[in-house]
Amino acid sequence: KAWLPGRCNHLLKPTPEMDTAIGGALGA
């Protein structure tokens, strides 16, 4: 197998807060 860089499937930390979720996404 080929190991792709983590940026190709960047797991975000789950959160119930929309603002926190979007903030995490923008940071990623």
mmCIF file of all heavy atoms, coordinates in Angstrom:
data_MODEL
# 
_entry.id   MODEL 
# 
loop_
_atom_site.group_PDB 
_atom_site.id 
_atom_site.type_symbol 
_atom_site.label_atom_id 
_atom_site.label_alt_id 
_atom_site.label_comp_id 
_atom_site.label_asym_id 
_atom_site.label_entity_id 
_atom_site.label_seq_id 
_atom_site.pdbx_PDB_ins_code 
_atom_site.Cartn_x 
_atom_site.Cartn_y 
_atom_site.Cartn_z 
_atom_site.occupancy 
_atom_site.B_iso_or_equiv 
_atom_site.pdbx_formal_charge 
_atom_site.auth_seq_id 
_atom_site.auth_comp_id 
_atom_site.auth_asym_id 
_atom_site.auth_atom_id 
_atom_site.pdbx_PDB_model_num 
ATOM 1   N N   . LYS A 1 1  ? 0.825   -1.198 0.000  1.00 0.00 ? 1  LYS A N   1 
ATOM 2   C CA  . LYS A 1 1  ? 0.000   0.000  0.000  1.00 0.00 ? 1  LYS A CA  1 
ATOM 3   C C   . LYS A 1 1  ? 0.860   1.249  0.000  1.00 0.00 ? 1  LYS A C   1 
ATOM 4   O O   . LYS A 1 1  ? 2.013   1.240  0.443  1.00 0.00 ? 1  LYS A O   1 
ATOM 5   C CB  . LYS A 1 1  ? -0.958  0.006  1.205  1.00 0.00 ? 1  LYS A CB  1 
ATOM 6   C CG  . LYS A 1 1  ? -0.268  -0.105 2.551  1.00 0.00 ? 1  LYS A CG  1 
ATOM 7   C CD  . LYS A 1 1  ? -1.272  -0.078 3.704  1.00 0.00 ? 1  LYS A CD  1 
ATOM 8   C CE  . LYS A 1 1  ? -2.102  -1.334 3.826  1.00 0.00 ? 1  LYS A CE  1 
ATOM 9   N NZ  . LYS A 1 1  ? -1.321  -2.488 4.325  1.00 0.00 ? 1  LYS A NZ  1 
ATOM 10  N N   . ALA A 1 2  ? 0.289   2.332  -0.494 1.00 0.00 ? 2  ALA A N   1 
ATOM 11  C CA  . ALA A 1 2  ? 0.914   3.644  -0.414 1.00 0.00 ? 2  ALA A CA  1 
ATOM 12  C C   . ALA A 1 2  ? 0.298   4.376  0.765  1.00 0.00 ? 2  ALA A C   1 
ATOM 13  O O   . ALA A 1 2  ? -0.922  4.340  0.968  1.00 0.00 ? 2  ALA A O   1 
ATOM 14  C CB  . ALA A 1 2  ? 0.681   4.422  -1.708 1.00 0.00 ? 2  ALA A CB  1 
ATOM 15  N N   . TRP A 1 3  ? 1.146   5.051  1.538  1.00 0.00 ? 3  TRP A N   1 
ATOM 16  C CA  . TRP A 1 3  ? 0.661   5.824  2.689  1.00 0.00 ? 3  TRP A CA  1 
ATOM 17  C C   . TRP A 1 3  ? 0.536   7.285  2.258  1.00 0.00 ? 3  TRP A C   1 
ATOM 18  O O   . TRP A 1 3  ? 1.529   7.944  1.977  1.00 0.00 ? 3  TRP A O   1 
ATOM 19  C CB  . TRP A 1 3  ? 1.607   5.682  3.868  1.00 0.00 ? 3  TRP A CB  1 
ATOM 20  C CG  . TRP A 1 3  ? 1.625   4.291  4.423  1.00 0.00 ? 3  TRP A CG  1 
ATOM 21  C CD1 . TRP A 1 3  ? 2.543   3.312  4.167  1.00 0.00 ? 3  TRP A CD1 1 
ATOM 22  C CD2 . TRP A 1 3  ? 0.659   3.717  5.313  1.00 0.00 ? 3  TRP A CD2 1 
ATOM 23  N NE1 . TRP A 1 3  ? 2.210   2.165  4.845  1.00 0.00 ? 3  TRP A NE1 1 
ATOM 24  C CE2 . TRP A 1 3  ? 1.067   2.379  5.558  1.00 0.00 ? 3  TRP A CE2 1 
ATOM 25  C CE3 . TRP A 1 3  ? -0.499  4.193  5.922  1.00 0.00 ? 3  TRP A CE3 1 
ATOM 26  C CZ2 . TRP A 1 3  ? 0.354   1.520  6.396  1.00 0.00 ? 3  TRP A CZ2 1 
ATOM 27  C CZ3 . TRP A 1 3  ? -1.213  3.336  6.750  1.00 0.00 ? 3  TRP A CZ3 1 
ATOM 28  C CH2 . TRP A 1 3  ? -0.796  2.023  6.986  1.00 0.00 ? 3  TRP A CH2 1 
ATOM 29  N N   . LEU A 1 4  ? -0.683  7.752  2.191  1.00 0.00 ? 4  LEU A N   1 
ATOM 30  C CA  . LEU A 1 4  ? -0.944  9.135  1.810  1.00 0.00 ? 4  LEU A CA  1 
ATOM 31  C C   . LEU A 1 4  ? -0.737  10.052 3.018  1.00 0.00 ? 4  LEU A C   1 
ATOM 32  O O   . LEU A 1 4  ? -0.915  9.628  4.165  1.00 0.00 ? 4  LEU A O   1 
ATOM 33  C CB  . LEU A 1 4  ? -2.377  9.277  1.294  1.00 0.00 ? 4  LEU A CB  1 
ATOM 34  C CG  . LEU A 1 4  ? -2.767  8.391  0.100  1.00 0.00 ? 4  LEU A CG  1 
ATOM 35  C CD1 . LEU A 1 4  ? -4.230  8.621  -0.252 1.00 0.00 ? 4  LEU A CD1 1 
ATOM 36  C CD2 . LEU A 1 4  ? -1.873  8.655  -1.093 1.00 0.00 ? 4  LEU A CD2 1 
ATOM 37  N N   . PRO A 1 5  ? -0.388  11.308 2.789  1.00 0.00 ? 5  PRO A N   1 
ATOM 38  C CA  . PRO A 1 5  ? -0.214  12.238 3.918  1.00 0.00 ? 5  PRO A CA  1 
ATOM 39  C C   . PRO A 1 5  ? -1.533  12.481 4.650  1.00 0.00 ? 5  PRO A C   1 
ATOM 40  O O   . PRO A 1 5  ? -2.622  12.401 4.066  1.00 0.00 ? 5  PRO A O   1 
ATOM 41  C CB  . PRO A 1 5  ? 0.308   13.515 3.254  1.00 0.00 ? 5  PRO A CB  1 
ATOM 42  C CG  . PRO A 1 5  ? -0.067  13.397 1.814  1.00 0.00 ? 5  PRO A CG  1 
ATOM 43  C CD  . PRO A 1 5  ? -0.073  11.937 1.492  1.00 0.00 ? 5  PRO A CD  1 
ATOM 44  N N   . GLY A 1 6  ? -1.419  12.793 5.929  1.00 0.00 ? 6  GLY A N   1 
ATOM 45  C CA  . GLY A 1 6  ? -2.595  12.981 6.768  1.00 0.00 ? 6  GLY A CA  1 
ATOM 46  C C   . GLY A 1 6  ? -3.534  14.058 6.279  1.00 0.00 ? 6  GLY A C   1 
ATOM 47  O O   . GLY A 1 6  ? -4.740  14.003 6.561  1.00 0.00 ? 6  GLY A O   1 
ATOM 48  N N   . ARG A 1 7  ? -3.031  15.044 5.550  1.00 0.00 ? 7  ARG A N   1 
ATOM 49  C CA  . ARG A 1 7  ? -3.894  16.122 5.069  1.00 0.00 ? 7  ARG A CA  1 
ATOM 50  C C   . ARG A 1 7  ? -4.965  15.624 4.097  1.00 0.00 ? 7  ARG A C   1 
ATOM 51  O O   . ARG A 1 7  ? -5.968  16.293 3.870  1.00 0.00 ? 7  ARG A O   1 
ATOM 52  C CB  . ARG A 1 7  ? -3.059  17.209 4.393  1.00 0.00 ? 7  ARG A CB  1 
ATOM 53  C CG  . ARG A 1 7  ? -2.330  16.771 3.125  1.00 0.00 ? 7  ARG A CG  1 
ATOM 54  C CD  . ARG A 1 7  ? -1.569  17.919 2.479  1.00 0.00 ? 7  ARG A CD  1 
ATOM 55  N NE  . ARG A 1 7  ? -0.806  17.474 1.315  1.00 0.00 ? 7  ARG A NE  1 
ATOM 56  C CZ  . ARG A 1 7  ? 0.438   17.028 1.363  1.00 0.00 ? 7  ARG A CZ  1 
ATOM 57  N NH1 . ARG A 1 7  ? 1.056   16.993 2.531  1.00 0.00 ? 7  ARG A NH1 1 
ATOM 58  N NH2 . ARG A 1 7  ? 1.062   16.637 0.269  1.00 0.00 ? 7  ARG A NH2 1 
ATOM 59  N N   . CYS A 1 8  ? -4.753  14.420 3.538  1.00 0.00 ? 8  CYS A N   1 
ATOM 60  C CA  . CYS A 1 8  ? -5.719  13.869 2.581  1.00 0.00 ? 8  CYS A CA  1 
ATOM 61  C C   . CYS A 1 8  ? -6.960  13.292 3.259  1.00 0.00 ? 8  CYS A C   1 
ATOM 62  O O   . CYS A 1 8  ? -7.961  13.013 2.588  1.00 0.00 ? 8  CYS A O   1 
ATOM 63  C CB  . CYS A 1 8  ? -5.053  12.782 1.733  1.00 0.00 ? 8  CYS A CB  1 
ATOM 64  S SG  . CYS A 1 8  ? -3.652  13.375 0.767  1.00 0.00 ? 8  CYS A SG  1 
ATOM 65  N N   . ASN A 1 9  ? -6.882  13.100 4.567  1.00 0.00 ? 9  ASN A N   1 
ATOM 66  C CA  . ASN A 1 9  ? -8.033  12.618 5.338  1.00 0.00 ? 9  ASN A CA  1 
ATOM 67  C C   . ASN A 1 9  ? -7.842  13.141 6.756  1.00 0.00 ? 9  ASN A C   1 
ATOM 68  O O   . ASN A 1 9  ? -7.478  12.408 7.671  1.00 0.00 ? 9  ASN A O   1 
ATOM 69  C CB  . ASN A 1 9  ? -8.099  11.088 5.307  1.00 0.00 ? 9  ASN A CB  1 
ATOM 70  C CG  . ASN A 1 9  ? -9.308  10.519 6.028  1.00 0.00 ? 9  ASN A CG  1 
ATOM 71  O OD1 . ASN A 1 9  ? -10.157 11.256 6.517  1.00 0.00 ? 9  ASN A OD1 1 
ATOM 72  N ND2 . ASN A 1 9  ? -9.387  9.203  6.086  1.00 0.00 ? 9  ASN A ND2 1 
ATOM 73  N N   . HIS A 1 10 ? -8.073  14.446 6.898  1.00 0.00 ? 10 HIS A N   1 
ATOM 74  C CA  . HIS A 1 10 ? -7.804  15.133 8.163  1.00 0.00 ? 10 HIS A CA  1 
ATOM 75  C C   . HIS A 1 10 ? -8.995  14.963 9.103  1.00 0.00 ? 10 HIS A C   1 
ATOM 76  O O   . HIS A 1 10 ? -10.055 15.556 8.906  1.00 0.00 ? 10 HIS A O   1 
ATOM 77  C CB  . HIS A 1 10 ? -7.547  16.622 7.899  1.00 0.00 ? 10 HIS A CB  1 
ATOM 78  C CG  . HIS A 1 10 ? -7.160  17.384 9.121  1.00 0.00 ? 10 HIS A CG  1 
ATOM 79  N ND1 . HIS A 1 10 ? -5.859  17.708 9.419  1.00 0.00 ? 10 HIS A ND1 1 
ATOM 80  C CD2 . HIS A 1 10 ? -7.913  17.875 10.139 1.00 0.00 ? 10 HIS A CD2 1 
ATOM 81  C CE1 . HIS A 1 10 ? -5.816  18.377 10.555 1.00 0.00 ? 10 HIS A CE1 1 
ATOM 82  N NE2 . HIS A 1 10 ? -7.054  18.493 11.023 1.00 0.00 ? 10 HIS A NE2 1 
ATOM 83  N N   . LEU A 1 11 ? -8.802  14.134 10.129 1.00 0.00 ? 11 LEU A N   1 
ATOM 84  C CA  . LEU A 1 11 ? -9.868  13.890 11.103 1.00 0.00 ? 11 LEU A CA  1 
ATOM 85  C C   . LEU A 1 11 ? -9.979  15.065 12.063 1.00 0.00 ? 11 LEU A C   1 
ATOM 86  O O   . LEU A 1 11 ? -9.009  15.452 12.710 1.00 0.00 ? 11 LEU A O   1 
ATOM 87  C CB  . LEU A 1 11 ? -9.568  12.619 11.887 1.00 0.00 ? 11 LEU A CB  1 
ATOM 88  C CG  . LEU A 1 11 ? -9.920  11.291 11.221 1.00 0.00 ? 11 LEU A CG  1 
ATOM 89  C CD1 . LEU A 1 11 ? -9.281  10.148 11.989 1.00 0.00 ? 11 LEU A CD1 1 
ATOM 90  C CD2 . LEU A 1 11 ? -11.420 11.112 11.143 1.00 0.00 ? 11 LEU A CD2 1 
ATOM 91  N N   . LEU A 1 12 ? -11.175 15.612 12.145 1.00 0.00 ? 12 LEU A N   1 
ATOM 92  C CA  . LEU A 1 12 ? -11.431 16.727 13.053 1.00 0.00 ? 12 LEU A CA  1 
ATOM 93  C C   . LEU A 1 12 ? -11.995 16.204 14.378 1.00 0.00 ? 12 LEU A C   1 
ATOM 94  O O   . LEU A 1 12 ? -12.702 15.194 14.401 1.00 0.00 ? 12 LEU A O   1 
ATOM 95  C CB  . LEU A 1 12 ? -12.401 17.709 12.420 1.00 0.00 ? 12 LEU A CB  1 
ATOM 96  C CG  . LEU A 1 12 ? -11.798 18.478 11.234 1.00 0.00 ? 12 LEU A CG  1 
ATOM 97  C CD1 . LEU A 1 12 ? -12.874 18.936 10.283 1.00 0.00 ? 12 LEU A CD1 1 
ATOM 98  C CD2 . LEU A 1 12 ? -10.983 19.651 11.727 1.00 0.00 ? 12 LEU A CD2 1 
ATOM 99  N N   . LYS A 1 13 ? -11.680 16.891 15.438 1.00 0.00 ? 13 LYS A N   1 
ATOM 100 C CA  . LYS A 1 13 ? -12.164 16.476 16.754 1.00 0.00 ? 13 LYS A CA  1 
ATOM 101 C C   . LYS A 1 13 ? -13.653 16.751 16.867 1.00 0.00 ? 13 LYS A C   1 
ATOM 102 O O   . LYS A 1 13 ? -14.105 17.885 16.699 1.00 0.00 ? 13 LYS A O   1 
ATOM 103 C CB  . LYS A 1 13 ? -11.413 17.241 17.843 1.00 0.00 ? 13 LYS A CB  1 
ATOM 104 C CG  . LYS A 1 13 ? -11.742 16.780 19.256 1.00 0.00 ? 13 LYS A CG  1 
ATOM 105 C CD  . LYS A 1 13 ? -10.909 17.514 20.282 1.00 0.00 ? 13 LYS A CD  1 
ATOM 106 C CE  . LYS A 1 13 ? -11.232 17.046 21.696 1.00 0.00 ? 13 LYS A CE  1 
ATOM 107 N NZ  . LYS A 1 13 ? -10.398 17.757 22.702 1.00 0.00 ? 13 LYS A NZ  1 
ATOM 108 N N   . PRO A 1 14 ? -14.449 15.709 17.134 1.00 0.00 ? 14 PRO A N   1 
ATOM 109 C CA  . PRO A 1 14 ? -15.900 15.908 17.233 1.00 0.00 ? 14 PRO A CA  1 
ATOM 110 C C   . PRO A 1 14 ? -16.278 16.896 18.325 1.00 0.00 ? 14 PRO A C   1 
ATOM 111 O O   . PRO A 1 14 ? -15.674 16.919 19.400 1.00 0.00 ? 14 PRO A O   1 
ATOM 112 C CB  . PRO A 1 14 ? -16.417 14.499 17.564 1.00 0.00 ? 14 PRO A CB  1 
ATOM 113 C CG  . PRO A 1 14 ? -15.355 13.578 17.076 1.00 0.00 ? 14 PRO A CG  1 
ATOM 114 C CD  . PRO A 1 14 ? -14.064 14.303 17.304 1.00 0.00 ? 14 PRO A CD  1 
ATOM 115 N N   . THR A 1 15 ? -17.271 17.709 18.035 1.00 0.00 ? 15 THR A N   1 
ATOM 116 C CA  . THR A 1 15 ? -17.773 18.674 19.010 1.00 0.00 ? 15 THR A CA  1 
ATOM 117 C C   . THR A 1 15 ? -19.238 18.968 18.708 1.00 0.00 ? 15 THR A C   1 
ATOM 118 O O   . THR A 1 15 ? -19.634 19.001 17.532 1.00 0.00 ? 15 THR A O   1 
ATOM 119 C CB  . THR A 1 15 ? -16.974 19.993 18.958 1.00 0.00 ? 15 THR A CB  1 
ATOM 120 O OG1 . THR A 1 15 ? -17.597 20.967 19.806 1.00 0.00 ? 15 THR A OG1 1 
ATOM 121 C CG2 . THR A 1 15 ? -16.901 20.542 17.555 1.00 0.00 ? 15 THR A CG2 1 
ATOM 122 N N   . PRO A 1 16 ? -20.075 19.175 19.732 1.00 0.00 ? 16 PRO A N   1 
ATOM 123 C CA  . PRO A 1 16 ? -21.485 19.502 19.492 1.00 0.00 ? 16 PRO A CA  1 
ATOM 124 C C   . PRO A 1 16 ? -21.693 20.966 19.133 1.00 0.00 ? 16 PRO A C   1 
ATOM 125 O O   . PRO A 1 16 ? -22.772 21.349 18.685 1.00 0.00 ? 16 PRO A O   1 
ATOM 126 C CB  . PRO A 1 16 ? -22.151 19.159 20.821 1.00 0.00 ? 16 PRO A CB  1 
ATOM 127 C CG  . PRO A 1 16 ? -21.074 19.387 21.836 1.00 0.00 ? 16 PRO A CG  1 
ATOM 128 C CD  . PRO A 1 16 ? -19.796 18.966 21.167 1.00 0.00 ? 16 PRO A CD  1 
ATOM 129 N N   . GLU A 1 17 ? -20.672 21.784 19.324 1.00 0.00 ? 17 GLU A N   1 
ATOM 130 C CA  . GLU A 1 17 ? -20.809 23.222 19.091 1.00 0.00 ? 17 GLU A CA  1 
ATOM 131 C C   . GLU A 1 17 ? -20.438 23.576 17.655 1.00 0.00 ? 17 GLU A C   1 
ATOM 132 O O   . GLU A 1 17 ? -19.326 23.310 17.211 1.00 0.00 ? 17 GLU A O   1 
ATOM 133 C CB  . GLU A 1 17 ? -19.914 23.996 20.065 1.00 0.00 ? 17 GLU A CB  1 
ATOM 134 C CG  . GLU A 1 17 ? -20.204 23.740 21.535 1.00 0.00 ? 17 GLU A CG  1 
ATOM 135 C CD  . GLU A 1 17 ? -21.594 24.203 21.920 1.00 0.00 ? 17 GLU A CD  1 
ATOM 136 O OE1 . GLU A 1 17 ? -22.099 25.164 21.298 1.00 0.00 ? 17 GLU A OE1 1 
ATOM 137 O OE2 . GLU A 1 17 ? -22.185 23.601 22.834 1.00 0.00 ? 17 GLU A OE2 1 
ATOM 138 N N   . MET A 1 18 ? -21.361 24.192 16.924 1.00 0.00 ? 18 MET A N   1 
ATOM 139 C CA  . MET A 1 18 ? -21.120 24.522 15.528 1.00 0.00 ? 18 MET A CA  1 
ATOM 140 C C   . MET A 1 18 ? -19.934 25.470 15.365 1.00 0.00 ? 18 MET A C   1 
ATOM 141 O O   . MET A 1 18 ? -19.086 25.281 14.487 1.00 0.00 ? 18 MET A O   1 
ATOM 142 C CB  . MET A 1 18 ? -22.374 25.142 14.908 1.00 0.00 ? 18 MET A CB  1 
ATOM 143 C CG  . MET A 1 18 ? -22.211 25.538 13.439 1.00 0.00 ? 18 MET A CG  1 
ATOM 144 S SD  . MET A 1 18 ? -21.862 24.122 12.354 1.00 0.00 ? 18 MET A SD  1 
ATOM 145 C CE  . MET A 1 18 ? -23.470 23.328 12.358 1.00 0.00 ? 18 MET A CE  1 
ATOM 146 N N   . ASP A 1 19 ? -19.871 26.496 16.201 1.00 0.00 ? 19 ASP A N   1 
ATOM 147 C CA  . ASP A 1 19 ? -18.767 27.459 16.091 1.00 0.00 ? 19 ASP A CA  1 
ATOM 148 C C   . ASP A 1 19 ? -17.418 26.776 16.280 1.00 0.00 ? 19 ASP A C   1 
ATOM 149 O O   . ASP A 1 19 ? -16.450 27.082 15.562 1.00 0.00 ? 19 ASP A O   1 
ATOM 150 C CB  . ASP A 1 19 ? -18.926 28.583 17.118 1.00 0.00 ? 19 ASP A CB  1 
ATOM 151 C CG  . ASP A 1 19 ? -20.061 29.531 16.776 1.00 0.00 ? 19 ASP A CG  1 
ATOM 152 O OD1 . ASP A 1 19 ? -20.553 29.462 15.627 1.00 0.00 ? 19 ASP A OD1 1 
ATOM 153 O OD2 . ASP A 1 19 ? -20.464 30.325 17.649 1.00 0.00 ? 19 ASP A OD2 1 
ATOM 154 N N   . THR A 1 20 ? -17.353 25.849 17.218 1.00 0.00 ? 20 THR A N   1 
ATOM 155 C CA  . THR A 1 20 ? -16.108 25.134 17.468 1.00 0.00 ? 20 THR A CA  1 
ATOM 156 C C   . THR A 1 20 ? -15.763 24.227 16.290 1.00 0.00 ? 20 THR A C   1 
ATOM 157 O O   . THR A 1 20 ? -14.599 24.120 15.892 1.00 0.00 ? 20 THR A O   1 
ATOM 158 C CB  . THR A 1 20 ? -16.210 24.301 18.754 1.00 0.00 ? 20 THR A CB  1 
ATOM 159 O OG1 . THR A 1 20 ? -16.583 25.153 19.838 1.00 0.00 ? 20 THR A OG1 1 
ATOM 160 C CG2 . THR A 1 20 ? -14.893 23.624 19.076 1.00 0.00 ? 20 THR A CG2 1 
ATOM 161 N N   . ALA A 1 21 ? -16.777 23.587 15.734 1.00 0.00 ? 21 ALA A N   1 
ATOM 162 C CA  . ALA A 1 21 ? -16.556 22.707 14.583 1.00 0.00 ? 21 ALA A CA  1 
ATOM 163 C C   . ALA A 1 21 ? -16.020 23.485 13.388 1.00 0.00 ? 21 ALA A C   1 
ATOM 164 O O   . ALA A 1 21 ? -15.055 23.074 12.744 1.00 0.00 ? 21 ALA A O   1 
ATOM 165 C CB  . ALA A 1 21 ? -17.853 22.000 14.210 1.00 0.00 ? 21 ALA A CB  1 
ATOM 166 N N   . ILE A 1 22 ? -16.631 24.616 13.108 1.00 0.00 ? 22 ILE A N   1 
ATOM 167 C CA  . ILE A 1 22 ? -16.198 25.428 11.971 1.00 0.00 ? 22 ILE A CA  1 
ATOM 168 C C   . ILE A 1 22 ? -14.822 26.029 12.235 1.00 0.00 ? 22 ILE A C   1 
ATOM 169 O O   . ILE A 1 22 ? -13.971 26.092 11.336 1.00 0.00 ? 22 ILE A O   1 
ATOM 170 C CB  . ILE A 1 22 ? -17.227 26.538 11.677 1.00 0.00 ? 22 ILE A CB  1 
ATOM 171 C CG1 . ILE A 1 22 ? -18.572 25.908 11.280 1.00 0.00 ? 22 ILE A CG1 1 
ATOM 172 C CG2 . ILE A 1 22 ? -16.719 27.449 10.571 1.00 0.00 ? 22 ILE A CG2 1 
ATOM 173 C CD1 . ILE A 1 22 ? -18.505 24.973 10.085 1.00 0.00 ? 22 ILE A CD1 1 
ATOM 174 N N   . GLY A 1 23 ? -14.584 26.438 13.468 1.00 0.00 ? 23 GLY A N   1 
ATOM 175 C CA  . GLY A 1 23 ? -13.271 26.963 13.817 1.00 0.00 ? 23 GLY A CA  1 
ATOM 176 C C   . GLY A 1 23 ? -12.181 25.926 13.608 1.00 0.00 ? 23 GLY A C   1 
ATOM 177 O O   . GLY A 1 23 ? -11.105 26.229 13.071 1.00 0.00 ? 23 GLY A O   1 
ATOM 178 N N   . GLY A 1 24 ? -12.470 24.686 14.006 1.00 0.00 ? 24 GLY A N   1 
ATOM 179 C CA  . GLY A 1 24 ? -11.515 23.603 13.799 1.00 0.00 ? 24 GLY A CA  1 
ATOM 180 C C   . GLY A 1 24 ? -11.275 23.330 12.330 1.00 0.00 ? 24 GLY A C   1 
ATOM 181 O O   . GLY A 1 24 ? -10.146 23.070 11.898 1.00 0.00 ? 24 GLY A O   1 
ATOM 182 N N   . ALA A 1 25 ? -12.349 23.393 11.553 1.00 0.00 ? 25 ALA A N   1 
ATOM 183 C CA  . ALA A 1 25 ? -12.225 23.165 10.110 1.00 0.00 ? 25 ALA A CA  1 
ATOM 184 C C   . ALA A 1 25 ? -11.380 24.248 9.447  1.00 0.00 ? 25 ALA A C   1 
ATOM 185 O O   . ALA A 1 25 ? -10.502 23.961 8.623  1.00 0.00 ? 25 ALA A O   1 
ATOM 186 C CB  . ALA A 1 25 ? -13.611 23.114 9.474  1.00 0.00 ? 25 ALA A CB  1 
ATOM 187 N N   . LEU A 1 26 ? -11.626 25.488 9.800  1.00 0.00 ? 26 LEU A N   1 
ATOM 188 C CA  . LEU A 1 26 ? -10.868 26.593 9.211  1.00 0.00 ? 26 LEU A CA  1 
ATOM 189 C C   . LEU A 1 26 ? -9.399  26.522 9.613  1.00 0.00 ? 26 LEU A C   1 
ATOM 190 O O   . LEU A 1 26 ? -8.504  26.809 8.803  1.00 0.00 ? 26 LEU A O   1 
ATOM 191 C CB  . LEU A 1 26 ? -11.480 27.928 9.619  1.00 0.00 ? 26 LEU A CB  1 
ATOM 192 C CG  . LEU A 1 26 ? -12.895 28.206 9.089  1.00 0.00 ? 26 LEU A CG  1 
ATOM 193 C CD1 . LEU A 1 26 ? -13.414 29.532 9.631  1.00 0.00 ? 26 LEU A CD1 1 
ATOM 194 C CD2 . LEU A 1 26 ? -12.906 28.212 7.561  1.00 0.00 ? 26 LEU A CD2 1 
ATOM 195 N N   . GLY A 1 27 ? -9.148  26.106 10.842 1.00 0.00 ? 27 GLY A N   1 
ATOM 196 C CA  . GLY A 1 27 ? -7.766  25.936 11.280 1.00 0.00 ? 27 GLY A CA  1 
ATOM 197 C C   . GLY A 1 27 ? -7.056  24.846 10.500 1.00 0.00 ? 27 GLY A C   1 
ATOM 198 O O   . GLY A 1 27 ? -5.878  24.987 10.137 1.00 0.00 ? 27 GLY A O   1 
ATOM 199 N N   . ALA A 1 28 ? -7.784  23.752 10.234 1.00 0.00 ? 28 ALA A N   1 
ATOM 200 C CA  . ALA A 1 28 ? -7.204  22.652 9.455  1.00 0.00 ? 28 ALA A CA  1 
ATOM 201 C C   . ALA A 1 28 ? -6.901  23.095 8.028  1.00 0.00 ? 28 ALA A C   1 
ATOM 202 O O   . ALA A 1 28 ? -5.871  22.730 7.451  1.00 0.00 ? 28 ALA A O   1 
ATOM 203 C CB  . ALA A 1 28 ? -8.157  21.462 9.451  1.00 0.00 ? 28 ALA A CB  1 
# 
